[in-house]
Amino acid sequence: MAELVVTGGSGGPVPEQLPVRISDGRLQTASGPYHNLLMLPLRDDGPVVLEIELASGSVVRMNGEAAEVRLFGEAEFIEDVA
């Protein structure tokens, strides 16, 4: 399990009814753009922009000062990604 944390964030609107299904996403950091795939571990101090497209078609956009992925539990192999 993983948690993406954006610190110093502002943006929105966040859907009132949670949880929601995410269909697409992008994260722009000083290290580079990420689209639907993050290289782990991830800790980027610098301006970040997170865009999450929901299954409903709504888009949530957040600007922040840093981004970090926090991992929990045992790792589980899913697939090789080149």
PDB file of N, CA and C in Angstrom:
ATOM      1  N   MET A   1       0.851  -1.161   0.000  1.00  0.00           N
ATOM      2  CA  MET A   1       0.000   0.000   0.000  1.00  0.00           C
ATOM      3  C   MET A   1       0.901   1.229   0.000  1.00  0.00           C
ATOM      4  N   ALA A   2       0.424   2.283  -0.643  1.00  0.00           N
ATOM      5  CA  ALA A   2       1.205   3.511  -0.741  1.00  0.00           C
ATOM      6  C   ALA A   2       0.303   4.716  -0.527  1.00  0.00           C
ATOM      7  N   GLU A   3       0.942   5.789  -0.088  1.00  0.00           N
ATOM      8  CA  GLU A   3       0.249   7.047   0.147  1.00  0.00           C
ATOM      9  C   GLU A   3       1.066   8.145  -0.515  1.00  0.00           C
ATOM     10  N   LEU A   4       0.441   8.949  -1.363  1.00  0.00           N
ATOM     11  CA  LEU A   4       1.103  10.090  -1.981  1.00  0.00           C
ATOM     12  C   LEU A   4       0.754  11.328  -1.170  1.00  0.00           C
ATOM     13  N   VAL A   5       1.784  11.986  -0.626  1.00  0.00           N
ATOM     14  CA  VAL A   5       1.586  13.151   0.231  1.00  0.00           C
ATOM     15  C   VAL A   5       2.141  14.379  -0.477  1.00  0.00           C
ATOM     16  N   VAL A   6       1.307  15.407  -0.643  1.00  0.00           N
ATOM     17  CA  VAL A   6       1.737  16.694  -1.182  1.00  0.00           C
ATOM     18  C   VAL A   6       1.677  17.679  -0.031  1.00  0.00           C
ATOM     19  N   THR A   7       2.835  18.224   0.349  1.00  0.00           N
ATOM     20  CA  THR A   7       2.871  19.174   1.467  1.00  0.00           C
ATOM     21  C   THR A   7       2.775  20.604   0.942  1.00  0.00           C
ATOM     22  N   GLY A   8       2.214  21.464   1.784  1.00  0.00           N
ATOM     23  CA  GLY A   8       2.039  22.857   1.405  1.00  0.00           C
ATOM     24  C   GLY A   8       1.094  22.998   0.238  1.00  0.00           C
ATOM     25  N   GLY A   9       0.138  22.072   0.147  1.00  0.00           N
ATOM     26  CA  GLY A   9      -0.735  22.021  -1.020  1.00  0.00           C
ATOM     27  C   GLY A   9      -1.922  22.944  -0.947  1.00  0.00           C
ATOM     28  N   SER A  10      -2.341  23.370  -2.126  1.00  0.00           N
ATOM     29  CA  SER A  10      -3.582  24.123  -2.263  1.00  0.00           C
ATOM     30  C   SER A  10      -4.197  23.739  -3.594  1.00  0.00           C
ATOM     31  N   GLY A  11      -5.491  23.806  -3.667  1.00  0.00           N
ATOM     32  CA  GLY A  11      -6.169  23.467  -4.914  1.00  0.00           C
ATOM     33  C   GLY A  11      -7.523  22.884  -4.624  1.00  0.00           C
ATOM     34  N   GLY A  12      -8.037  22.191  -5.608  1.00  0.00           N
ATOM     35  CA  GLY A  12      -9.332  21.569  -5.418  1.00  0.00           C
ATOM     36  C   GLY A  12     -10.179  21.775  -6.640  1.00  0.00           C
ATOM     37  N   PRO A  13     -11.461  21.624  -6.589  1.00  0.00           N
ATOM     38  CA  PRO A  13     -12.227  21.156  -5.438  1.00  0.00           C
ATOM     39  C   PRO A  13     -12.094  19.645  -5.254  1.00  0.00           C
ATOM     40  N   VAL A  14     -12.175  19.220  -4.023  1.00  0.00           N
ATOM     41  CA  VAL A  14     -12.125  17.801  -3.692  1.00  0.00           C
ATOM     42  C   VAL A  14     -13.560  17.289  -3.658  1.00  0.00           C
ATOM     43  N   PRO A  15     -13.809  16.120  -4.254  1.00  0.00           N
ATOM     44  CA  PRO A  15     -15.184  15.590  -4.262  1.00  0.00           C
ATOM     45  C   PRO A  15     -15.710  15.404  -2.843  1.00  0.00           C
ATOM     46  N   GLU A  16     -16.984  15.699  -2.670  1.00  0.00           N
ATOM     47  CA  GLU A  16     -17.594  15.559  -1.348  1.00  0.00           C
ATOM     48  C   GLU A  16     -17.769  14.101  -0.967  1.00  0.00           C
ATOM     49  N   GLN A  17     -18.050  13.253  -1.943  1.00  0.00           N
ATOM     50  CA  GLN A  17     -18.292  11.841  -1.684  1.00  0.00           C
ATOM     51  C   GLN A  17     -17.003  11.047  -1.878  1.00  0.00           C
ATOM     52  N   LEU A  18     -16.383  10.611  -0.799  1.00  0.00           N
ATOM     53  CA  LEU A  18     -15.152   9.826  -0.867  1.00  0.00           C
ATOM     54  C   LEU A  18     -15.421   8.438  -0.322  1.00  0.00           C
ATOM     55  N   PRO A  19     -14.749   7.399  -0.744  1.00  0.00           N
ATOM     56  CA  PRO A  19     -13.675   7.388  -1.736  1.00  0.00           C
ATOM     57  C   PRO A  19     -14.227   7.486  -3.150  1.00  0.00           C
ATOM     58  N   VAL A  20     -13.342   7.817  -4.105  1.00  0.00           N
ATOM     59  CA  VAL A  20     -13.707   7.913  -5.518  1.00  0.00           C
ATOM     60  C   VAL A  20     -12.730   7.075  -6.340  1.00  0.00           C
ATOM     61  N   ARG A  21     -13.157   6.676  -7.514  1.00  0.00           N
ATOM     62  CA  ARG A  21     -12.302   5.902  -8.418  1.00  0.00           C
ATOM     63  C   ARG A  21     -11.496   6.875  -9.276  1.00  0.00           C
ATOM     64  N   ILE A  22     -10.174   6.644  -9.341  1.00  0.00           N
ATOM     65  CA  ILE A  22      -9.276   7.470 -10.144  1.00  0.00           C
ATOM     66  C   ILE A  22      -9.038   6.771 -11.471  1.00  0.00           C
ATOM     67  N   SER A  23      -9.159   7.527 -12.578  1.00  0.00           N
ATOM     68  CA  SER A  23      -8.947   6.924 -13.894  1.00  0.00           C
ATOM     69  C   SER A  23      -7.631   7.347 -14.537  1.00  0.00           C
ATOM     70  N   ASP A  24      -7.042   8.454 -14.110  1.00  0.00           N
ATOM     71  CA  ASP A  24      -5.805   8.937 -14.711  1.00  0.00           C
ATOM     72  C   ASP A  24      -5.153   9.920 -13.744  1.00  0.00           C
ATOM     73  N   GLY A  25      -3.870  10.165 -13.943  1.00  0.00           N
ATOM     74  CA  GLY A  25      -3.197  11.117 -13.080  1.00  0.00           C
ATOM     75  C   GLY A  25      -1.841  11.522 -13.605  1.00  0.00           C
ATOM     76  N   ARG A  26      -1.408  12.709 -13.196  1.00  0.00           N
ATOM     77  CA  ARG A  26      -0.113  13.254 -13.560  1.00  0.00           C
ATOM     78  C   ARG A  26       0.487  13.962 -12.360  1.00  0.00           C
ATOM     79  N   LEU A  27       1.803  13.840 -12.225  1.00  0.00           N
ATOM     80  CA  LEU A  27       2.526  14.550 -11.179  1.00  0.00           C
ATOM     81  C   LEU A  27       3.719  15.222 -11.823  1.00  0.00           C
ATOM     82  N   GLN A  28       3.799  16.545 -11.721  1.00  0.00           N
ATOM     83  CA  GLN A  28       4.928  17.309 -12.264  1.00  0.00           C
ATOM     84  C   GLN A  28       5.784  17.766 -11.093  1.00  0.00           C
ATOM     85  N   THR A  29       7.076  17.376 -11.116  1.00  0.00           N
ATOM     86  CA  THR A  29       8.015  17.764 -10.061  1.00  0.00           C
ATOM     87  C   THR A  29       9.280  18.312 -10.699  1.00  0.00           C
ATOM     88  N   ALA A  30      10.206  18.772  -9.867  1.00  0.00           N
ATOM     89  CA  ALA A  30      11.496  19.233 -10.367  1.00  0.00           C
ATOM     90  C   ALA A  30      12.277  18.087 -11.007  1.00  0.00           C
ATOM     91  N   SER A  31      12.023  16.851 -10.565  1.00  0.00           N
ATOM     92  CA  SER A  31      12.713  15.685 -11.116  1.00  0.00           C
ATOM     93  C   SER A  31      12.145  15.247 -12.460  1.00  0.00           C
ATOM     94  N   GLY A  32      10.976  15.690 -12.781  1.00  0.00           N
ATOM     95  CA  GLY A  32      10.391  15.342 -14.063  1.00  0.00           C
ATOM     96  C   GLY A  32       8.918  15.074 -13.975  1.00  0.00           C
ATOM     97  N   PRO A  33       8.292  14.904 -15.127  1.00  0.00           N
ATOM     98  CA  PRO A  33       6.864  14.581 -15.139  1.00  0.00           C
ATOM     99  C   PRO A  33       6.650  13.081 -14.962  1.00  0.00           C
ATOM    100  N   TYR A  34       5.567  12.733 -14.268  1.00  0.00           N
ATOM    101  CA  TYR A  34       5.154  11.339 -14.094  1.00  0.00           C
ATOM    102  C   TYR A  34       3.712  11.245 -14.580  1.00  0.00           C
ATOM    103  N   HIS A  35       3.412  10.203 -15.346  1.00  0.00           N
ATOM    104  CA  HIS A  35       2.046  10.010 -15.832  1.00  0.00           C
ATOM    105  C   HIS A  35       1.654   8.565 -15.573  1.00  0.00           C
ATOM    106  N   ASN A  36       0.778   8.353 -14.605  1.00  0.00           N
ATOM    107  CA  ASN A  36       0.263   7.028 -14.240  1.00  0.00           C
ATOM    108  C   ASN A  36       1.304   6.071 -13.684  1.00  0.00           C
ATOM    109  N   LEU A  37       2.538   6.501 -13.488  1.00  0.00           N
ATOM    110  CA  LEU A  37       3.588   5.627 -12.991  1.00  0.00           C
ATOM    111  C   LEU A  37       4.598   6.467 -12.221  1.00  0.00           C
ATOM    112  N   LEU A  38       4.891   6.084 -10.988  1.00  0.00           N
ATOM    113  CA  LEU A  38       5.873   6.801 -10.178  1.00  0.00           C
ATOM    114  C   LEU A  38       7.076   5.912  -9.932  1.00  0.00           C
ATOM    115  N   MET A  39       8.266   6.481  -9.982  1.00  0.00           N
ATOM    116  CA  MET A  39       9.480   5.763  -9.631  1.00  0.00           C
ATOM    117  C   MET A  39       9.638   5.876  -8.113  1.00  0.00           C
ATOM    118  N   LEU A  40       9.844   4.733  -7.459  1.00  0.00           N
ATOM    119  CA  LEU A  40       9.946   4.716  -6.001  1.00  0.00           C
ATOM    120  C   LEU A  40      11.358   4.368  -5.577  1.00  0.00           C
ATOM    121  N   PRO A  41      11.857   4.886  -4.500  1.00  0.00           N
ATOM    122  CA  PRO A  41      11.185   5.831  -3.594  1.00  0.00           C
ATOM    123  C   PRO A  41      11.090   7.211  -4.238  1.00  0.00           C
ATOM    124  N   LEU A  42      10.088   7.982  -3.831  1.00  0.00           N
ATOM    125  CA  LEU A  42       9.890   9.324  -4.365  1.00  0.00           C
ATOM    126  C   LEU A  42       9.838  10.318  -3.224  1.00  0.00           C
ATOM    127  N   ARG A  43      10.729  11.280  -3.268  1.00  0.00           N
ATOM    128  CA  ARG A  43      10.723  12.423  -2.344  1.00  0.00           C
ATOM    129  C   ARG A  43      11.275  13.582  -3.137  1.00  0.00           C
ATOM    130  N   ASP A  44      10.453  14.574  -3.423  1.00  0.00           N
ATOM    131  CA  ASP A  44      10.872  15.695  -4.247  1.00  0.00           C
ATOM    132  C   ASP A  44      10.509  16.998  -3.554  1.00  0.00           C
ATOM    133  N   ASP A  45      11.536  17.724  -3.118  1.00  0.00           N
ATOM    134  CA  ASP A  45      11.323  19.046  -2.528  1.00  0.00           C
ATOM    135  C   ASP A  45      11.441  20.069  -3.644  1.00  0.00           C
ATOM    136  N   GLY A  46      10.408  20.754  -3.885  1.00  0.00           N
ATOM    137  CA  GLY A  46      10.364  21.732  -4.962  1.00  0.00           C
ATOM    138  C   GLY A  46       8.926  21.871  -5.397  1.00  0.00           C
ATOM    139  N   PRO A  47       8.653  22.779  -6.272  1.00  0.00           N
ATOM    140  CA  PRO A  47       7.256  22.944  -6.681  1.00  0.00           C
ATOM    141  C   PRO A  47       6.731  21.678  -7.344  1.00  0.00           C
ATOM    142  N   VAL A  48       5.513  21.292  -6.985  1.00  0.00           N
ATOM    143  CA  VAL A  48       4.856  20.125  -7.571  1.00  0.00           C
ATOM    144  C   VAL A  48       3.436  20.495  -7.986  1.00  0.00           C
ATOM    145  N   VAL A  49       2.981  19.826  -9.045  1.00  0.00           N
ATOM    146  CA  VAL A  49       1.604  19.970  -9.501  1.00  0.00           C
ATOM    147  C   VAL A  49       1.057  18.563  -9.671  1.00  0.00           C
ATOM    148  N   LEU A  50      -0.055  18.277  -9.010  1.00  0.00           N
ATOM    149  CA  LEU A  50      -0.711  16.980  -9.091  1.00  0.00           C
ATOM    150  C   LEU A  50      -2.074  17.167  -9.741  1.00  0.00           C
ATOM    151  N   GLU A  51      -2.348  16.388 -10.790  1.00  0.00           N
ATOM    152  CA  GLU A  51      -3.662  16.381 -11.430  1.00  0.00           C
ATOM    153  C   GLU A  51      -4.194  14.964 -11.391  1.00  0.00           C
ATOM    154  N   ILE A  52      -5.390  14.790 -10.856  1.00  0.00           N
ATOM    155  CA  ILE A  52      -6.027  13.485 -10.775  1.00  0.00           C
ATOM    156  C   ILE A  52      -7.356  13.568 -11.507  1.00  0.00           C
ATOM    157  N   GLU A  53      -7.530  12.696 -12.507  1.00  0.00           N
ATOM    158  CA  GLU A  53      -8.792  12.627 -13.223  1.00  0.00           C
ATOM    159  C   GLU A  53      -9.619  11.499 -12.622  1.00  0.00           C
ATOM    160  N   LEU A  54     -10.820  11.812 -12.225  1.00  0.00           N
ATOM    161  CA  LEU A  54     -11.710  10.837 -11.608  1.00  0.00           C
ATOM    162  C   LEU A  54     -12.515  10.112 -12.674  1.00  0.00           C
ATOM    163  N   ALA A  55     -13.043   8.965 -12.318  1.00  0.00           N
ATOM    164  CA  ALA A  55     -13.849   8.178 -13.254  1.00  0.00           C
ATOM    165  C   ALA A  55     -15.062   8.966 -13.740  1.00  0.00           C
ATOM    166  N   SER A  56     -15.513   9.914 -12.954  1.00  0.00           N
ATOM    167  CA  SER A  56     -16.665  10.746 -13.331  1.00  0.00           C
ATOM    168  C   SER A  56     -16.300  11.769 -14.401  1.00  0.00           C
ATOM    169  N   GLY A  57     -14.981  11.951 -14.653  1.00  0.00           N
ATOM    170  CA  GLY A  57     -14.526  12.957 -15.615  1.00  0.00           C
ATOM    171  C   GLY A  57     -14.062  14.234 -14.950  1.00  0.00           C
ATOM    172  N   SER A  58     -14.353  14.411 -13.670  1.00  0.00           N
ATOM    173  CA  SER A  58     -13.877  15.590 -12.941  1.00  0.00           C
ATOM    174  C   SER A  58     -12.365  15.512 -12.760  1.00  0.00           C
ATOM    175  N   VAL A  59     -11.732  16.673 -12.691  1.00  0.00           N
ATOM    176  CA  VAL A  59     -10.285  16.737 -12.484  1.00  0.00           C
ATOM    177  C   VAL A  59     -10.012  17.517 -11.208  1.00  0.00           C
ATOM    178  N   VAL A  60      -9.175  16.944 -10.345  1.00  0.00           N
ATOM    179  CA  VAL A  60      -8.731  17.611  -9.123  1.00  0.00           C
ATOM    180  C   VAL A  60      -7.285  18.018  -9.350  1.00  0.00           C
ATOM    181  N   ARG A  61      -6.973  19.282  -9.169  1.00  0.00           N
ATOM    182  CA  ARG A  61      -5.619  19.802  -9.374  1.00  0.00           C
ATOM    183  C   ARG A  61      -5.112  20.399  -8.068  1.00  0.00           C
ATOM    184  N   MET A  62      -3.850  20.079  -7.725  1.00  0.00           N
ATOM    185  CA  MET A  62      -3.262  20.573  -6.496  1.00  0.00           C
ATOM    186  C   MET A  62      -1.838  21.048  -6.772  1.00  0.00           C
ATOM    187  N   ASN A  63      -1.500  22.209  -6.241  1.00  0.00           N
ATOM    188  CA  ASN A  63      -0.135  22.735  -6.293  1.00  0.00           C
ATOM    189  C   ASN A  63       0.451  22.594  -4.898  1.00  0.00           C
ATOM    190  N   GLY A  64       1.747  22.270  -4.817  1.00  0.00           N
ATOM    191  CA  GLY A  64       2.362  22.103  -3.510  1.00  0.00           C
ATOM    192  C   GLY A  64       3.835  22.410  -3.512  1.00  0.00           C
ATOM    193  N   GLU A  65       4.430  22.290  -2.334  1.00  0.00           N
ATOM    194  CA  GLU A  65       5.848  22.589  -2.140  1.00  0.00           C
ATOM    195  C   GLU A  65       6.723  21.353  -2.205  1.00  0.00           C
ATOM    196  N   ALA A  66       6.150  20.170  -1.982  1.00  0.00           N
ATOM    197  CA  ALA A  66       6.928  18.924  -2.004  1.00  0.00           C
ATOM    198  C   ALA A  66       5.974  17.755  -2.181  1.00  0.00           C
ATOM    199  N   ALA A  67       6.544  16.626  -2.656  1.00  0.00           N
ATOM    200  CA  ALA A  67       5.761  15.400  -2.808  1.00  0.00           C
ATOM    201  C   ALA A  67       6.587  14.231  -2.295  1.00  0.00           C
ATOM    202  N   GLU A  68       5.893  13.277  -1.660  1.00  0.00           N
ATOM    203  CA  GLU A  68       6.560  12.090  -1.129  1.00  0.00           C
ATOM    204  C   GLU A  68       5.587  10.913  -1.212  1.00  0.00           C
ATOM    205  N   VAL A  69       6.119   9.759  -1.577  1.00  0.00           N
ATOM    206  CA  VAL A  69       5.333   8.526  -1.528  1.00  0.00           C
ATOM    207  C   VAL A  69       5.774   7.757  -0.296  1.00  0.00           C
ATOM    208  N   ARG A  70       4.825   7.440   0.569  1.00  0.00           N
ATOM    209  CA  ARG A  70       5.098   6.654   1.776  1.00  0.00           C
ATOM    210  C   ARG A  70       4.546   5.250   1.553  1.00  0.00           C
ATOM    211  N   LEU A  71       5.387   4.250   1.795  1.00  0.00           N
ATOM    212  CA  LEU A  71       5.008   2.858   1.577  1.00  0.00           C
ATOM    213  C   LEU A  71       4.689   2.185   2.900  1.00  0.00           C
ATOM    214  N   PHE A  72       3.678   1.299   2.888  1.00  0.00           N
ATOM    215  CA  PHE A  72       3.250   0.581   4.082  1.00  0.00           C
ATOM    216  C   PHE A  72       3.120  -0.902   3.758  1.00  0.00           C
ATOM    217  N   GLY A  73       3.442  -1.749   4.722  1.00  0.00           N
ATOM    218  CA  GLY A  73       3.239  -3.186   4.553  1.00  0.00           C
ATOM    219  C   GLY A  73       4.303  -3.846   3.700  1.00  0.00           C
ATOM    220  N   GLU A  74       4.041  -5.106   3.364  1.00  0.00           N
ATOM    221  CA  GLU A  74       4.961  -5.908   2.572  1.00  0.00           C
ATOM    222  C   GLU A  74       4.807  -5.588   1.085  1.00  0.00           C
ATOM    223  N   ALA A  75       5.942  -5.536   0.385  1.00  0.00           N
ATOM    224  CA  ALA A  75       5.903  -5.320  -1.061  1.00  0.00           C
ATOM    225  C   ALA A  75       5.362  -6.576  -1.744  1.00  0.00           C
ATOM    226  N   GLU A  76       4.618  -6.378  -2.831  1.00  0.00           N
ATOM    227  CA  GLU A  76       4.046  -7.481  -3.577  1.00  0.00           C
ATOM    228  C   GLU A  76       4.347  -7.285  -5.059  1.00  0.00           C
ATOM    229  N   PHE A  77       4.971  -8.282  -5.707  1.00  0.00           N
ATOM    230  CA  PHE A  77       5.285  -8.197  -7.125  1.00  0.00           C
ATOM    231  C   PHE A  77       4.003  -8.190  -7.942  1.00  0.00           C
ATOM    232  N   ILE A  78       3.931  -7.246  -8.885  1.00  0.00           N
ATOM    233  CA  ILE A  78       2.765  -7.166  -9.763  1.00  0.00           C
ATOM    234  C   ILE A  78       3.171  -7.442 -11.204  1.00  0.00           C
ATOM    235  N   GLU A  79       4.177  -6.695 -11.721  1.00  0.00           N
ATOM    236  CA  GLU A  79       4.636  -6.901 -13.094  1.00  0.00           C
ATOM    237  C   GLU A  79       5.959  -6.196 -13.301  1.00  0.00           C
ATOM    238  N   ASP A  80       6.718  -6.639 -14.306  1.00  0.00           N
ATOM    239  CA  ASP A  80       7.938  -5.947 -14.710  1.00  0.00           C
ATOM    240  C   ASP A  80       7.560  -4.742 -15.541  1.00  0.00           C
ATOM    241  N   VAL A  81       8.203  -3.607 -15.264  1.00  0.00           N
ATOM    242  CA  VAL A  81       7.971  -2.387 -16.034  1.00  0.00           C
ATOM    243  C   VAL A  81       9.315  -1.907 -16.540  1.00  0.00           C
ATOM    244  N   ALA A  82       9.457  -1.841 -17.843  1.00  0.00           N
ATOM    245  CA  ALA A  82      10.720  -1.400 -18.440  1.00  0.00           C
ATOM    246  C   ALA A  82      10.751   0.094 -18.618  1.00  0.00           C
TER     247      ALA A  82
END
